[in-house]
């Protein structure tokens, strides 16, 4: 999210509410029987991050007319705990050395400790979220199951040149867009919104989440560390992101063989080759069009609600996804 959005008074206030609630959960755990597990997990939990999922939760609750954020703050915290758990496990799969500027748990404490730390945050998230009605808990469970299925599908398609756009979207809906969608949907349910409002929030989150991931894919290929994402992380790991899938689909003959060769033996000194091939397939332009389309659909769902300061904040977040400082 761009600085102008981050400085919005509503957004600053909501983020402070989230940070206060997270610190309260951590402090409570540190004074209880699970202190050792929380002492491990809090390293990544307090290492920063955008808090986009809990922020969307609070803003969605406000947008549909929620009156007391105390009734939704636990769910917002649960989304962040579960998200952080997935990051810990993702870092293990990817062999990542850094997360949010600090050593990953498995690098610092070992694989066994990191797995336990991630599991602990999953349990904490469900423990806190479990106080809500069965409908909310079921959505949480389905969302986490979809994250796992998406992660597994992504692992199955590592370096798979036959990966299709449909495969890609299935992964994205499970791993990234689904949690955005369920955060907004559950916030609306907790606020007592109508079925139409709940659906609008669910679809808003889904479209925003898809665009968010597409931008992330582009950052991997075009960004630099000033943008918060080192160039080439996904390529080195063999992840089939949409720009690459698109070029593999469109290019033929020698050009496609060259792209396959670059991907099979990718090194940092082959960036120019890769970029030239992706440009020849117009894959960057294609993804930018898709990002625009998903964001426009997200705004369409947002505009189902009356204009308000909260809607303006959500609109600003949506419009600045393209230039987010991830």
Protein backbone atom coordinates (compact mmCIF):
# COMPACT_ATOMS: atom_id res chain seq x y z
CA UNK A 1 0.00 0.00 0.00
CA UNK A 2 1.30 3.44 -0.88
CA UNK A 3 2.36 5.91 1.78
CA UNK A 4 -0.61 8.23 1.16
CA UNK A 5 -2.99 5.39 1.96
CA UNK A 6 -1.02 4.22 4.97
CA UNK A 7 -1.16 7.72 6.45
CA UNK A 8 -4.96 7.87 6.29
CA UNK A 9 -6.27 8.46 9.81
CA UNK A 10 -8.82 5.63 9.65
CA UNK A 11 -6.20 3.19 8.44
CA UNK A 12 -3.71 4.28 11.10
CA UNK A 13 -6.38 3.84 13.78
CA UNK A 14 -7.38 0.38 12.56
CA UNK A 15 -3.78 -0.76 12.36
CA UNK A 16 -3.15 0.44 15.92
CA UNK A 17 -6.19 -1.54 17.08
CA UNK A 18 -4.78 -4.65 15.43
CA UNK A 19 -1.30 -4.16 16.87
CA UNK A 20 -2.73 -3.61 20.36
CA UNK A 21 -4.82 -6.77 20.08
CA UNK A 22 -1.88 -8.82 18.81
CA UNK A 23 0.34 -7.61 21.64
CA UNK A 24 -2.42 -8.51 24.10
CA UNK A 25 -2.57 -12.06 22.74
CA UNK A 26 1.20 -12.38 22.89
CA UNK A 27 1.42 -11.01 26.42
CA UNK A 28 -1.33 -13.33 27.61
CA UNK A 29 0.41 -16.35 26.10
CA UNK A 30 3.79 -15.33 27.49
CA UNK A 31 2.29 -15.37 30.97
CA UNK A 32 0.70 -18.80 30.54
CA UNK A 33 1.63 -22.43 29.95
CA UNK A 34 2.44 -21.85 26.26
CA UNK A 35 5.14 -19.24 26.86
CA UNK A 36 7.91 -21.22 25.16
CA UNK A 37 5.88 -21.71 21.97
CA UNK A 38 4.80 -18.07 21.82
CA UNK A 39 8.34 -16.90 22.53
CA UNK A 40 9.34 -18.72 19.36
CA UNK A 41 6.41 -17.66 17.18
CA UNK A 42 6.37 -14.00 18.20
CA UNK A 43 9.70 -13.37 16.45
CA UNK A 44 8.01 -13.48 13.05
CA UNK A 45 4.65 -12.24 14.34
CA UNK A 46 6.20 -8.96 15.53
CA UNK A 47 8.62 -8.56 12.62
CA UNK A 48 6.26 -6.21 10.81
CA UNK A 49 4.13 -6.83 7.75
CA UNK A 50 1.24 -5.02 6.11
CA UNK A 51 -1.50 -6.61 8.26
CA UNK A 52 -3.64 -6.38 5.13
CA UNK A 53 -6.01 -9.22 6.07
CA UNK A 54 -6.97 -7.94 9.54
CA UNK A 55 -7.14 -4.38 8.19
CA UNK A 56 -9.55 -5.52 5.48
CA UNK A 57 -11.54 -7.32 8.18
CA UNK A 58 -12.03 -4.18 10.26
CA UNK A 59 -12.75 -1.97 7.26
CA UNK A 60 -15.27 -4.43 5.81
CA UNK A 61 -16.99 -4.59 9.19
CA UNK A 62 -17.20 -0.78 9.27
CA UNK A 63 -18.37 -0.55 5.66
CA UNK A 64 -21.44 -2.74 6.14
CA UNK A 65 -22.51 -0.86 9.26
CA UNK A 66 -20.88 -2.73 12.13
CA UNK A 67 -21.31 -0.81 15.36
CA UNK A 68 -18.75 -2.26 17.78
CA UNK A 69 -15.37 -3.37 16.47
CA UNK A 70 -14.75 -5.24 19.71
CA UNK A 71 -17.01 -7.97 18.32
CA UNK A 72 -14.82 -8.44 15.23
CA UNK A 73 -11.30 -7.74 16.52
CA UNK A 74 -10.77 -11.35 17.64
CA UNK A 75 -11.55 -12.58 14.15
CA UNK A 76 -9.16 -9.99 12.69
CA UNK A 77 -6.40 -11.22 15.01
CA UNK A 78 -7.17 -14.83 14.10
CA UNK A 79 -6.67 -14.05 10.39
CA UNK A 80 -3.22 -12.61 11.11
CA UNK A 81 -2.16 -15.50 13.33
CA UNK A 82 -3.20 -18.04 10.70
CA UNK A 83 -1.57 -16.01 7.92
CA UNK A 84 1.70 -15.83 9.86
CA UNK A 85 1.54 -19.59 10.42
CA UNK A 86 1.32 -20.10 6.65
CA UNK A 87 4.32 -17.80 6.14
CA UNK A 88 6.43 -19.87 8.53
CA UNK A 89 5.52 -23.04 6.66
CA UNK A 90 5.98 -21.35 3.25
CA UNK A 91 9.50 -20.35 4.24
CA UNK A 92 10.26 -23.97 5.05
CA UNK A 93 8.99 -25.18 1.65
CA UNK A 94 10.90 -22.43 -0.16
CA UNK A 95 14.10 -22.67 1.87
CA UNK A 96 13.89 -18.92 2.49
CA UNK A 97 16.56 -17.33 4.67
CA UNK A 98 14.81 -14.04 5.48
CA UNK A 99 11.23 -13.01 6.21
CA UNK A 100 10.30 -9.38 6.84
CA UNK A 101 13.97 -8.54 7.14
CA UNK A 102 14.79 -11.06 9.87
CA UNK A 103 16.01 -14.65 9.82
CA UNK A 104 13.29 -17.18 9.13
CA UNK A 105 12.45 -19.46 12.04
CA UNK A 106 13.87 -22.58 10.42
CA UNK A 107 17.14 -20.79 9.65
CA UNK A 108 17.49 -19.48 13.19
CA UNK A 109 16.03 -22.30 15.28
CA UNK A 110 15.94 -25.34 13.01
CA UNK A 111 13.26 -27.10 11.00
CA UNK A 112 11.59 -28.84 13.93
CA UNK A 113 11.16 -25.64 15.93
CA UNK A 114 9.79 -23.77 12.91
CA UNK A 115 7.17 -26.43 12.22
CA UNK A 116 6.06 -26.28 15.84
CA UNK A 117 5.96 -22.47 15.74
CA UNK A 118 3.73 -22.50 12.67
CA UNK A 119 1.47 -25.18 14.13
CA UNK A 120 1.17 -23.18 17.34
CA UNK A 121 -0.01 -20.07 15.52
CA UNK A 122 -2.55 -22.11 13.54
CA UNK A 123 -3.96 -23.47 16.79
CA UNK A 124 -3.95 -20.02 18.40
CA UNK A 125 -5.77 -18.57 15.41
CA UNK A 126 -8.48 -21.21 15.50
CA UNK A 127 -8.72 -20.97 19.27
CA UNK A 128 -9.43 -17.25 19.08
CA UNK A 129 -11.65 -17.53 16.00
CA UNK A 130 -13.53 -20.47 17.50
CA UNK A 131 -15.63 -18.22 19.72
CA UNK A 132 -17.70 -17.17 16.72
CA UNK A 133 -20.75 -18.88 15.27
CA UNK A 134 -20.39 -22.18 13.44
CA UNK A 135 -20.78 -20.44 10.07
CA UNK A 136 -17.65 -18.34 10.70
CA UNK A 137 -15.63 -21.29 11.99
CA UNK A 138 -16.63 -23.34 8.93
CA UNK A 139 -15.49 -20.57 6.58
CA UNK A 140 -12.19 -20.36 8.47
CA UNK A 141 -11.71 -24.11 8.17
CA UNK A 142 -12.59 -24.16 4.47
CA UNK A 143 -10.21 -21.26 3.83
CA UNK A 144 -7.33 -23.04 5.56
CA UNK A 145 -8.08 -26.27 3.69
CA UNK A 146 -7.98 -24.32 0.42
CA UNK A 147 -4.64 -22.77 1.41
CA UNK A 148 -3.21 -26.25 1.95
CA UNK A 149 -4.65 -27.55 -1.32
CA UNK A 150 -3.30 -24.51 -3.17
CA UNK A 151 0.15 -24.96 -1.65
CA UNK A 152 0.17 -28.64 -2.60
CA UNK A 153 -0.92 -27.88 -6.16
CA UNK A 154 1.80 -25.26 -6.47
CA UNK A 155 4.41 -27.77 -5.29
CA UNK A 156 3.10 -30.28 -7.84
CA UNK A 157 3.61 -27.72 -10.61
CA UNK A 158 7.14 -26.63 -9.71
CA UNK A 159 9.08 -26.29 -12.99
CA UNK A 160 6.10 -27.78 -14.84
CA UNK A 161 6.06 -26.12 -18.26
CA UNK A 162 2.59 -27.59 -18.93
CA UNK A 163 1.02 -25.54 -16.12
CA UNK A 164 -2.12 -23.81 -17.42
CA UNK A 165 -3.69 -20.47 -16.51
CA UNK A 166 -6.50 -22.49 -14.93
CA UNK A 167 -3.97 -24.24 -12.68
CA UNK A 168 -2.52 -20.88 -11.74
CA UNK A 169 -5.87 -19.33 -10.84
CA UNK A 170 -6.81 -22.36 -8.75
CA UNK A 171 -3.59 -21.92 -6.76
CA UNK A 172 -4.11 -18.18 -6.34
CA UNK A 173 -7.73 -18.50 -5.24
CA UNK A 174 -6.67 -21.00 -2.61
CA UNK A 175 -3.48 -19.43 -1.28
CA UNK A 176 -3.96 -15.66 -1.63
CA UNK A 177 -7.38 -14.52 -2.79
CA UNK A 178 -9.36 -16.95 -0.63
CA UNK A 179 -8.06 -15.52 2.67
CA UNK A 180 -8.79 -11.97 1.44
CA UNK A 181 -12.29 -13.04 0.48
CA UNK A 182 -13.10 -14.88 3.69
CA UNK A 183 -11.79 -12.00 5.83
CA UNK A 184 -14.21 -9.59 4.15
CA UNK A 185 -17.07 -12.09 4.07
CA UNK A 186 -16.80 -13.05 7.74
CA UNK A 187 -16.52 -9.42 8.82
CA UNK A 188 -19.79 -8.71 7.03
CA UNK A 189 -21.46 -11.73 8.64
CA UNK A 190 -20.31 -10.68 12.11
CA UNK A 191 -21.67 -7.19 11.48
CA UNK A 192 -25.10 -8.61 10.62
CA UNK A 193 -25.02 -7.61 6.95
CA UNK A 194 -27.59 -8.72 4.39
CA UNK A 195 -26.89 -11.67 2.09
CA UNK A 196 -26.32 -9.27 -0.82
CA UNK A 197 -23.82 -7.26 1.22
CA UNK A 198 -22.03 -10.41 2.35
CA UNK A 199 -21.73 -11.58 -1.25
CA UNK A 200 -20.39 -8.19 -2.37
CA UNK A 201 -17.75 -8.27 0.35
CA UNK A 202 -16.80 -11.86 -0.49
CA UNK A 203 -16.37 -11.05 -4.19
CA UNK A 204 -14.56 -7.78 -3.44
CA UNK A 205 -11.98 -9.66 -1.39
CA UNK A 206 -11.55 -12.34 -4.04
CA UNK A 207 -10.95 -9.88 -6.89
CA UNK A 208 -8.61 -7.76 -4.77
CA UNK A 209 -6.66 -10.84 -3.70
CA UNK A 210 -6.21 -12.07 -7.27
CA UNK A 211 -4.93 -8.67 -8.36
CA UNK A 212 -2.64 -8.57 -5.32
CA UNK A 213 -1.02 -11.87 -6.36
CA UNK A 214 -0.71 -10.86 -10.01
CA UNK A 215 1.17 -7.74 -8.93
CA UNK A 216 3.39 -9.93 -6.77
CA UNK A 217 4.18 -12.05 -9.82
CA UNK A 218 5.21 -8.96 -11.76
CA UNK A 219 7.35 -7.70 -8.88
CA UNK A 220 9.25 -10.97 -8.96
CA UNK A 221 10.17 -10.33 -12.58
CA UNK A 222 10.48 -6.54 -12.70
CA UNK A 223 10.91 -5.33 -9.12
CA UNK A 224 13.92 -4.72 -6.94
CA UNK A 225 14.60 -4.88 -3.22
CA UNK A 226 13.46 -1.28 -2.76
CA UNK A 227 9.98 -2.54 -3.63
CA UNK A 228 10.21 -5.11 -0.86
CA UNK A 229 10.59 -8.17 -3.09
CA UNK A 230 13.99 -9.35 -4.38
CA UNK A 231 13.93 -9.95 -8.10
CA UNK A 232 13.67 -13.54 -9.23
CA UNK A 233 12.67 -15.35 -6.05
CA UNK A 234 9.85 -17.25 -7.76
CA UNK A 235 11.89 -17.99 -10.89
CA UNK A 236 14.75 -19.50 -8.90
CA UNK A 237 12.23 -21.67 -7.01
CA UNK A 238 10.63 -22.92 -10.21
CA UNK A 239 7.22 -21.41 -9.44
CA UNK A 240 5.03 -21.08 -12.51
CA UNK A 241 3.66 -17.56 -12.30
CA UNK A 242 1.24 -16.18 -14.86
CA UNK A 243 3.68 -14.09 -16.95
CA UNK A 244 5.78 -17.21 -17.53
CA UNK A 245 2.74 -19.42 -18.16
CA UNK A 246 1.45 -16.87 -20.68
CA UNK A 247 4.70 -16.77 -22.65
CA UNK A 248 4.98 -20.56 -22.63
CA UNK A 249 1.47 -20.68 -24.09
CA UNK A 250 1.99 -18.03 -26.77
CA UNK A 251 5.55 -18.65 -27.90
CA UNK A 252 6.26 -21.40 -30.41
CA UNK A 253 9.22 -23.09 -32.04
CA UNK A 254 12.68 -21.80 -31.19
CA UNK A 255 11.39 -19.01 -28.94
CA UNK A 256 9.52 -21.45 -26.70
CA UNK A 257 12.47 -23.83 -26.64
CA UNK A 258 14.70 -20.95 -25.58
CA UNK A 259 12.30 -20.00 -22.78
CA UNK A 260 12.15 -23.60 -21.58
CA UNK A 261 15.95 -23.74 -21.57
CA UNK A 262 16.26 -20.49 -19.58
CA UNK A 263 13.78 -21.73 -16.99
CA UNK A 264 15.42 -25.16 -16.72
CA UNK A 265 18.87 -23.69 -16.07
CA UNK A 266 18.04 -20.28 -14.69
CA UNK A 267 20.85 -18.12 -13.35
CA UNK A 268 21.01 -14.44 -12.54
CA UNK A 269 23.11 -13.83 -15.64
CA UNK A 270 20.18 -15.01 -17.79
CA UNK A 271 17.81 -12.24 -16.74
CA UNK A 272 18.15 -10.38 -20.02
CA UNK A 273 17.27 -13.52 -21.97
CA UNK A 274 14.22 -14.19 -19.81
CA UNK A 275 12.99 -10.62 -19.96
CA UNK A 276 13.40 -10.46 -23.74
CA UNK A 277 11.35 -13.62 -24.17
CA UNK A 278 8.59 -12.41 -21.83
CA UNK A 279 8.46 -9.08 -23.65
CA UNK A 280 8.22 -10.84 -27.00
CA UNK A 281 5.15 -12.66 -25.69
CA UNK A 282 3.74 -9.39 -24.28
CA UNK A 283 3.29 -11.21 -20.98
CA UNK A 284 3.84 -8.11 -18.85
CA UNK A 285 1.17 -6.23 -20.75
CA UNK A 286 -1.18 -9.19 -20.53
CA UNK A 287 -0.83 -9.39 -16.75
CA UNK A 288 -1.29 -5.65 -16.36
CA UNK A 289 -4.57 -5.89 -18.27
CA UNK A 290 -5.72 -8.70 -15.98
CA UNK A 291 -4.75 -6.70 -12.89
CA UNK A 292 -6.76 -3.75 -14.16
CA UNK A 293 -9.77 -5.99 -14.88
CA UNK A 294 -9.72 -7.63 -11.45
CA UNK A 295 -9.37 -4.27 -9.70
CA UNK A 296 -12.25 -2.81 -11.70
CA UNK A 297 -14.42 -5.76 -10.69
CA UNK A 298 -13.36 -5.28 -7.07
CA UNK A 299 -14.39 -1.63 -7.26
CA UNK A 300 -17.70 -2.64 -8.81
CA UNK A 301 -18.49 -4.74 -5.74
CA UNK A 302 -17.31 -1.93 -3.46
CA UNK A 303 -19.60 0.56 -5.17
CA UNK A 304 -22.61 -1.47 -4.08
CA UNK A 305 -22.21 0.37 -0.77
CA UNK A 306 -23.01 4.05 -0.14
CA UNK A 307 -20.11 6.47 -0.38
CA UNK A 308 -18.39 6.96 2.97
CA UNK A 309 -14.94 7.65 4.38
CA UNK A 310 -14.39 3.93 4.92
CA UNK A 311 -15.39 3.14 1.34
CA UNK A 312 -12.95 5.81 0.16
CA UNK A 313 -10.15 4.12 2.11
CA UNK A 314 -10.98 0.73 0.61
CA UNK A 315 -11.13 2.31 -2.83
CA UNK A 316 -7.69 3.87 -2.32
CA UNK A 317 -6.25 0.54 -1.20
CA UNK A 318 -7.73 -1.10 -4.28
CA UNK A 319 -6.43 1.53 -6.70
CA UNK A 320 -2.93 1.43 -5.25
CA UNK A 321 -2.47 -2.33 -5.30
CA UNK A 322 -0.58 -1.90 -8.56
CA UNK A 323 2.01 0.35 -6.91
CA UNK A 324 2.01 -1.25 -3.49
CA UNK A 325 5.26 -1.24 -1.57
CA UNK A 326 5.15 -4.91 -0.67
